[in-house]
Amino acid sequence: MAYKLVYYFDSKAQQEEFKTLLTTALDELELRFKVTDEVYTIARHFTVIDGLNSLLGAQGLAEKLVKDEYLSPEFSNFAISEDNYSTIQIYKNLEDYLNQLNK
């Protein structure tokens, strides 16, 4: 099963700033993941890192990017399987998913 690390934004400008930082970080760390910008709703946008092998690997990547000071901990993210990602995109139930993660 494949996993994704998803960062989400309510501002296109914030997403673009983030994408620049992320691209630089991945290049410097010599990590070759596929990164895409995706629309969740008109008001919310995702930047998705694809190709991770486990949920813990996705979470670990997020922690490493903060620990190594490439990204601010203020960028909201979550790790998710490809199947669950498809579900939240179809049903637009991101808030329910995030609430389940925080229980």
N, C-alpha and C. Protein backbone atom coordinates (compact mmCIF):
# COMPACT_ATOMS: atom_id res chain seq x y z
N MET A 1 0.84 -1.19 0.00
CA MET A 1 0.00 0.00 0.00
C MET A 1 0.89 1.25 0.00
N ALA A 2 0.48 2.23 -0.72
CA ALA A 2 1.23 3.49 -0.80
C ALA A 2 0.57 4.56 0.08
N TYR A 3 1.37 5.50 0.49
CA TYR A 3 0.90 6.57 1.38
C TYR A 3 1.28 7.92 0.82
N LYS A 4 0.61 8.92 1.36
CA LYS A 4 0.84 10.31 0.96
C LYS A 4 1.04 11.16 2.21
N LEU A 5 1.81 12.22 2.05
CA LEU A 5 1.92 13.26 3.07
C LEU A 5 1.26 14.48 2.45
N VAL A 6 0.21 14.98 3.10
CA VAL A 6 -0.60 16.06 2.54
C VAL A 6 -0.48 17.30 3.42
N TYR A 7 -0.12 18.40 2.80
CA TYR A 7 -0.13 19.71 3.46
C TYR A 7 -1.33 20.45 2.90
N TYR A 8 -2.06 21.17 3.76
CA TYR A 8 -3.26 21.86 3.27
C TYR A 8 -3.25 23.33 3.65
N PHE A 9 -3.86 24.12 2.75
CA PHE A 9 -3.79 25.58 2.82
C PHE A 9 -5.13 26.20 2.47
N ASP A 10 -5.42 27.32 3.10
CA ASP A 10 -6.61 28.09 2.78
C ASP A 10 -6.27 29.29 1.90
N SER A 11 -5.00 29.41 1.56
CA SER A 11 -4.53 30.53 0.74
C SER A 11 -3.60 29.99 -0.35
N LYS A 12 -3.88 30.36 -1.58
CA LYS A 12 -3.02 29.94 -2.69
C LYS A 12 -1.61 30.52 -2.55
N ALA A 13 -1.52 31.74 -2.04
CA ALA A 13 -0.21 32.38 -1.84
C ALA A 13 0.62 31.61 -0.82
N GLN A 14 -0.02 31.18 0.26
CA GLN A 14 0.69 30.40 1.29
C GLN A 14 1.15 29.06 0.70
N GLN A 15 0.31 28.45 -0.13
CA GLN A 15 0.67 27.18 -0.75
C GLN A 15 1.88 27.37 -1.67
N GLU A 16 1.91 28.44 -2.44
CA GLU A 16 3.04 28.68 -3.34
C GLU A 16 4.33 28.92 -2.57
N GLU A 17 4.26 29.66 -1.47
CA GLU A 17 5.44 29.88 -0.62
C GLU A 17 5.93 28.54 -0.07
N PHE A 18 4.99 27.73 0.41
CA PHE A 18 5.33 26.42 0.96
C PHE A 18 6.00 25.55 -0.11
N LYS A 19 5.45 25.53 -1.31
CA LYS A 19 5.96 24.66 -2.37
C LYS A 19 7.41 24.99 -2.69
N THR A 20 7.77 26.26 -2.67
CA THR A 20 9.16 26.66 -2.89
C THR A 20 10.06 26.09 -1.80
N LEU A 21 9.64 26.22 -0.55
CA LEU A 21 10.42 25.69 0.57
C LEU A 21 10.54 24.17 0.48
N LEU A 22 9.45 23.50 0.15
CA LEU A 22 9.45 22.04 0.07
C LEU A 22 10.36 21.55 -1.05
N THR A 23 10.27 22.16 -2.20
CA THR A 23 11.10 21.76 -3.34
C THR A 23 12.58 21.90 -3.00
N THR A 24 12.93 23.00 -2.36
CA THR A 24 14.32 23.22 -1.94
C THR A 24 14.76 22.14 -0.96
N ALA A 25 13.90 21.84 0.02
CA ALA A 25 14.23 20.83 1.04
C ALA A 25 14.44 19.46 0.40
N LEU A 26 13.53 19.04 -0.45
CA LEU A 26 13.65 17.73 -1.07
C LEU A 26 14.89 17.64 -1.95
N ASP A 27 15.21 18.73 -2.65
CA ASP A 27 16.43 18.75 -3.48
C ASP A 27 17.68 18.62 -2.62
N GLU A 28 17.74 19.39 -1.53
CA GLU A 28 18.91 19.35 -0.66
C GLU A 28 19.07 18.00 0.03
N LEU A 29 17.96 17.37 0.36
CA LEU A 29 18.00 16.06 1.01
C LEU A 29 18.13 14.92 -0.01
N GLU A 30 18.14 15.27 -1.29
CA GLU A 30 18.22 14.32 -2.39
C GLU A 30 17.12 13.26 -2.33
N LEU A 31 15.91 13.73 -2.03
CA LEU A 31 14.73 12.87 -2.00
C LEU A 31 13.93 13.10 -3.27
N ARG A 32 13.58 12.06 -3.95
CA ARG A 32 12.89 12.15 -5.23
C ARG A 32 11.45 11.67 -5.13
N PHE A 33 10.63 12.45 -4.48
CA PHE A 33 9.21 12.13 -4.38
C PHE A 33 8.44 12.98 -5.39
N LYS A 34 7.32 12.44 -5.83
CA LYS A 34 6.43 13.20 -6.70
C LYS A 34 5.63 14.16 -5.81
N VAL A 35 5.62 15.44 -6.18
CA VAL A 35 4.88 16.46 -5.44
C VAL A 35 3.87 17.09 -6.38
N THR A 36 2.61 17.13 -5.95
CA THR A 36 1.56 17.72 -6.77
C THR A 36 0.75 18.72 -5.96
N ASP A 37 0.20 19.69 -6.65
CA ASP A 37 -0.77 20.61 -6.06
C ASP A 37 -2.15 20.14 -6.50
N GLU A 38 -3.05 20.02 -5.54
CA GLU A 38 -4.39 19.52 -5.84
C GLU A 38 -5.43 20.41 -5.17
N VAL A 39 -6.60 20.42 -5.75
CA VAL A 39 -7.71 21.20 -5.21
C VAL A 39 -8.57 20.28 -4.35
N TYR A 40 -8.87 20.73 -3.15
CA TYR A 40 -9.83 20.01 -2.30
C TYR A 40 -11.19 20.68 -2.45
N THR A 41 -11.22 21.96 -2.19
CA THR A 41 -12.42 22.78 -2.43
C THR A 41 -11.94 24.10 -3.02
N ILE A 42 -12.86 24.96 -3.34
CA ILE A 42 -12.49 26.28 -3.86
C ILE A 42 -11.60 27.02 -2.86
N ALA A 43 -11.87 26.84 -1.58
CA ALA A 43 -11.16 27.58 -0.55
C ALA A 43 -9.95 26.84 0.02
N ARG A 44 -9.84 25.54 -0.21
CA ARG A 44 -8.75 24.77 0.40
C ARG A 44 -7.99 24.01 -0.68
N HIS A 45 -6.65 24.08 -0.58
CA HIS A 45 -5.77 23.45 -1.55
C HIS A 45 -4.80 22.52 -0.84
N PHE A 46 -4.39 21.46 -1.53
CA PHE A 46 -3.44 20.50 -1.00
C PHE A 46 -2.15 20.55 -1.80
N THR A 47 -1.03 20.34 -1.11
CA THR A 47 0.23 19.96 -1.73
C THR A 47 0.51 18.56 -1.23
N VAL A 48 0.66 17.62 -2.16
CA VAL A 48 0.72 16.20 -1.82
C VAL A 48 2.08 15.63 -2.21
N ILE A 49 2.70 14.93 -1.26
CA ILE A 49 3.93 14.19 -1.53
C ILE A 49 3.53 12.73 -1.66
N ASP A 50 3.75 12.17 -2.85
CA ASP A 50 3.36 10.79 -3.15
C ASP A 50 4.55 9.85 -3.07
N GLY A 51 4.24 8.57 -2.91
CA GLY A 51 5.26 7.54 -3.05
C GLY A 51 5.90 7.10 -1.76
N LEU A 52 5.26 7.36 -0.64
CA LEU A 52 5.80 6.92 0.64
C LEU A 52 5.34 5.49 0.91
N ASN A 53 6.17 4.70 1.60
CA ASN A 53 5.89 3.28 1.78
C ASN A 53 5.07 2.93 3.00
N SER A 54 4.96 3.86 3.96
CA SER A 54 4.22 3.56 5.18
C SER A 54 3.67 4.84 5.80
N LEU A 55 2.70 4.66 6.66
CA LEU A 55 2.14 5.79 7.38
C LEU A 55 3.21 6.43 8.27
N LEU A 56 3.98 5.59 8.96
CA LEU A 56 5.05 6.11 9.82
C LEU A 56 6.13 6.81 9.00
N GLY A 57 6.40 6.31 7.80
CA GLY A 57 7.38 6.96 6.92
C GLY A 57 6.92 8.35 6.52
N ALA A 58 5.63 8.49 6.21
CA ALA A 58 5.08 9.80 5.85
C ALA A 58 5.15 10.75 7.04
N GLN A 59 4.78 10.26 8.21
CA GLN A 59 4.84 11.10 9.41
C GLN A 59 6.29 11.47 9.74
N GLY A 60 7.19 10.51 9.55
CA GLY A 60 8.61 10.76 9.81
C GLY A 60 9.19 11.80 8.87
N LEU A 61 8.77 11.79 7.62
CA LEU A 61 9.24 12.80 6.67
C LEU A 61 8.79 14.19 7.12
N ALA A 62 7.54 14.31 7.54
CA ALA A 62 7.04 15.61 8.02
C ALA A 62 7.86 16.08 9.22
N GLU A 63 8.16 15.16 10.14
CA GLU A 63 8.94 15.52 11.33
C GLU A 63 10.37 15.92 10.94
N LYS A 64 10.97 15.19 10.00
CA LYS A 64 12.34 15.51 9.57
C LYS A 64 12.42 16.89 8.94
N LEU A 65 11.44 17.23 8.11
CA LEU A 65 11.46 18.54 7.44
C LEU A 65 11.37 19.68 8.45
N VAL A 66 10.67 19.45 9.56
CA VAL A 66 10.59 20.47 10.61
C VAL A 66 11.86 20.45 11.46
N LYS A 67 12.28 19.26 11.87
CA LYS A 67 13.46 19.12 12.74
C LYS A 67 14.71 19.71 12.08
N ASP A 68 14.86 19.47 10.77
CA ASP A 68 16.02 20.00 10.04
C ASP A 68 15.82 21.44 9.59
N GLU A 69 14.72 22.05 10.04
CA GLU A 69 14.41 23.46 9.84
C GLU A 69 14.22 23.85 8.37
N TYR A 70 13.73 22.92 7.58
CA TYR A 70 13.36 23.24 6.20
C TYR A 70 11.96 23.87 6.16
N LEU A 71 11.09 23.37 7.05
CA LEU A 71 9.70 23.84 7.08
C LEU A 71 9.31 24.25 8.49
N SER A 72 8.39 25.17 8.58
CA SER A 72 7.84 25.59 9.86
C SER A 72 6.84 24.55 10.36
N PRO A 73 6.80 24.32 11.68
CA PRO A 73 5.79 23.40 12.21
C PRO A 73 4.37 23.94 12.06
N GLU A 74 4.25 25.19 11.64
CA GLU A 74 2.92 25.79 11.48
C GLU A 74 2.21 25.32 10.21
N PHE A 75 2.92 24.68 9.29
CA PHE A 75 2.28 24.15 8.08
C PHE A 75 1.49 22.90 8.46
N SER A 76 0.19 22.94 8.27
CA SER A 76 -0.69 21.82 8.65
C SER A 76 -0.53 20.67 7.67
N ASN A 77 -0.43 19.46 8.21
CA ASN A 77 -0.27 18.28 7.37
C ASN A 77 -0.89 17.06 8.01
N PHE A 78 -1.05 16.02 7.20
CA PHE A 78 -1.46 14.72 7.69
C PHE A 78 -0.95 13.66 6.75
N ALA A 79 -0.72 12.47 7.29
CA ALA A 79 -0.31 11.31 6.50
C ALA A 79 -1.55 10.46 6.26
N ILE A 80 -1.62 9.84 5.08
CA ILE A 80 -2.84 9.12 4.72
C ILE A 80 -2.53 8.07 3.65
N SER A 81 -3.27 6.97 3.68
CA SER A 81 -3.12 5.96 2.63
C SER A 81 -3.77 6.49 1.35
N GLU A 82 -3.35 5.94 0.22
CA GLU A 82 -3.94 6.37 -1.06
C GLU A 82 -5.45 6.12 -1.08
N ASP A 83 -5.90 4.99 -0.52
CA ASP A 83 -7.33 4.67 -0.51
C ASP A 83 -8.11 5.69 0.31
N ASN A 84 -7.61 6.03 1.49
CA ASN A 84 -8.31 7.01 2.32
C ASN A 84 -8.28 8.40 1.69
N TYR A 85 -7.19 8.71 1.00
CA TYR A 85 -7.11 10.00 0.32
C TYR A 85 -8.19 10.10 -0.75
N SER A 86 -8.36 9.04 -1.50
CA SER A 86 -9.42 9.04 -2.52
C SER A 86 -10.79 9.26 -1.88
N THR A 87 -11.00 8.64 -0.74
CA THR A 87 -12.28 8.78 -0.04
C THR A 87 -12.52 10.23 0.39
N ILE A 88 -11.50 10.87 0.99
CA ILE A 88 -11.74 12.25 1.43
C ILE A 88 -11.91 13.20 0.25
N GLN A 89 -11.28 12.89 -0.88
CA GLN A 89 -11.47 13.73 -2.07
C GLN A 89 -12.88 13.55 -2.65
N ILE A 90 -13.38 12.35 -2.65
CA ILE A 90 -14.71 12.09 -3.20
C ILE A 90 -15.81 12.65 -2.29
N TYR A 91 -15.72 12.34 -1.01
CA TYR A 91 -16.79 12.71 -0.07
C TYR A 91 -16.57 14.04 0.64
N LYS A 92 -15.40 14.65 0.40
CA LYS A 92 -15.06 15.94 1.02
C LYS A 92 -15.24 15.89 2.54
N ASN A 93 -14.70 14.83 3.15
CA ASN A 93 -14.85 14.64 4.59
C ASN A 93 -13.51 14.77 5.34
N LEU A 94 -12.70 15.73 4.92
CA LEU A 94 -11.40 15.95 5.55
C LEU A 94 -11.53 16.21 7.04
N GLU A 95 -12.47 17.04 7.45
CA GLU A 95 -12.61 17.37 8.88
C GLU A 95 -12.90 16.11 9.70
N ASP A 96 -13.75 15.22 9.20
CA ASP A 96 -14.04 13.97 9.90
C ASP A 96 -12.76 13.14 10.03
N TYR A 97 -11.97 13.06 8.96
CA TYR A 97 -10.74 12.30 8.99
C TYR A 97 -9.76 12.88 10.01
N LEU A 98 -9.59 14.20 10.00
CA LEU A 98 -8.67 14.84 10.94
C LEU A 98 -9.14 14.66 12.38
N ASN A 99 -10.44 14.72 12.61
CA ASN A 99 -10.97 14.50 13.96
C ASN A 99 -10.67 13.09 14.43
N GLN A 100 -10.75 12.09 13.54
CA GLN A 100 -10.43 10.71 13.89
C GLN A 100 -8.95 10.58 14.25
N LEU A 101 -8.08 11.28 13.55
CA LEU A 101 -6.65 11.23 13.84
C LEU A 101 -6.32 11.79 15.22
N ASN A 102 -7.09 12.79 15.63
CA ASN A 102 -6.80 13.48 16.89
C ASN A 102 -7.44 12.82 18.11
N LYS A 103 -8.15 11.72 17.91
CA LYS A 103 -8.77 11.02 19.06
C LYS A 103 -7.78 10.13 19.75
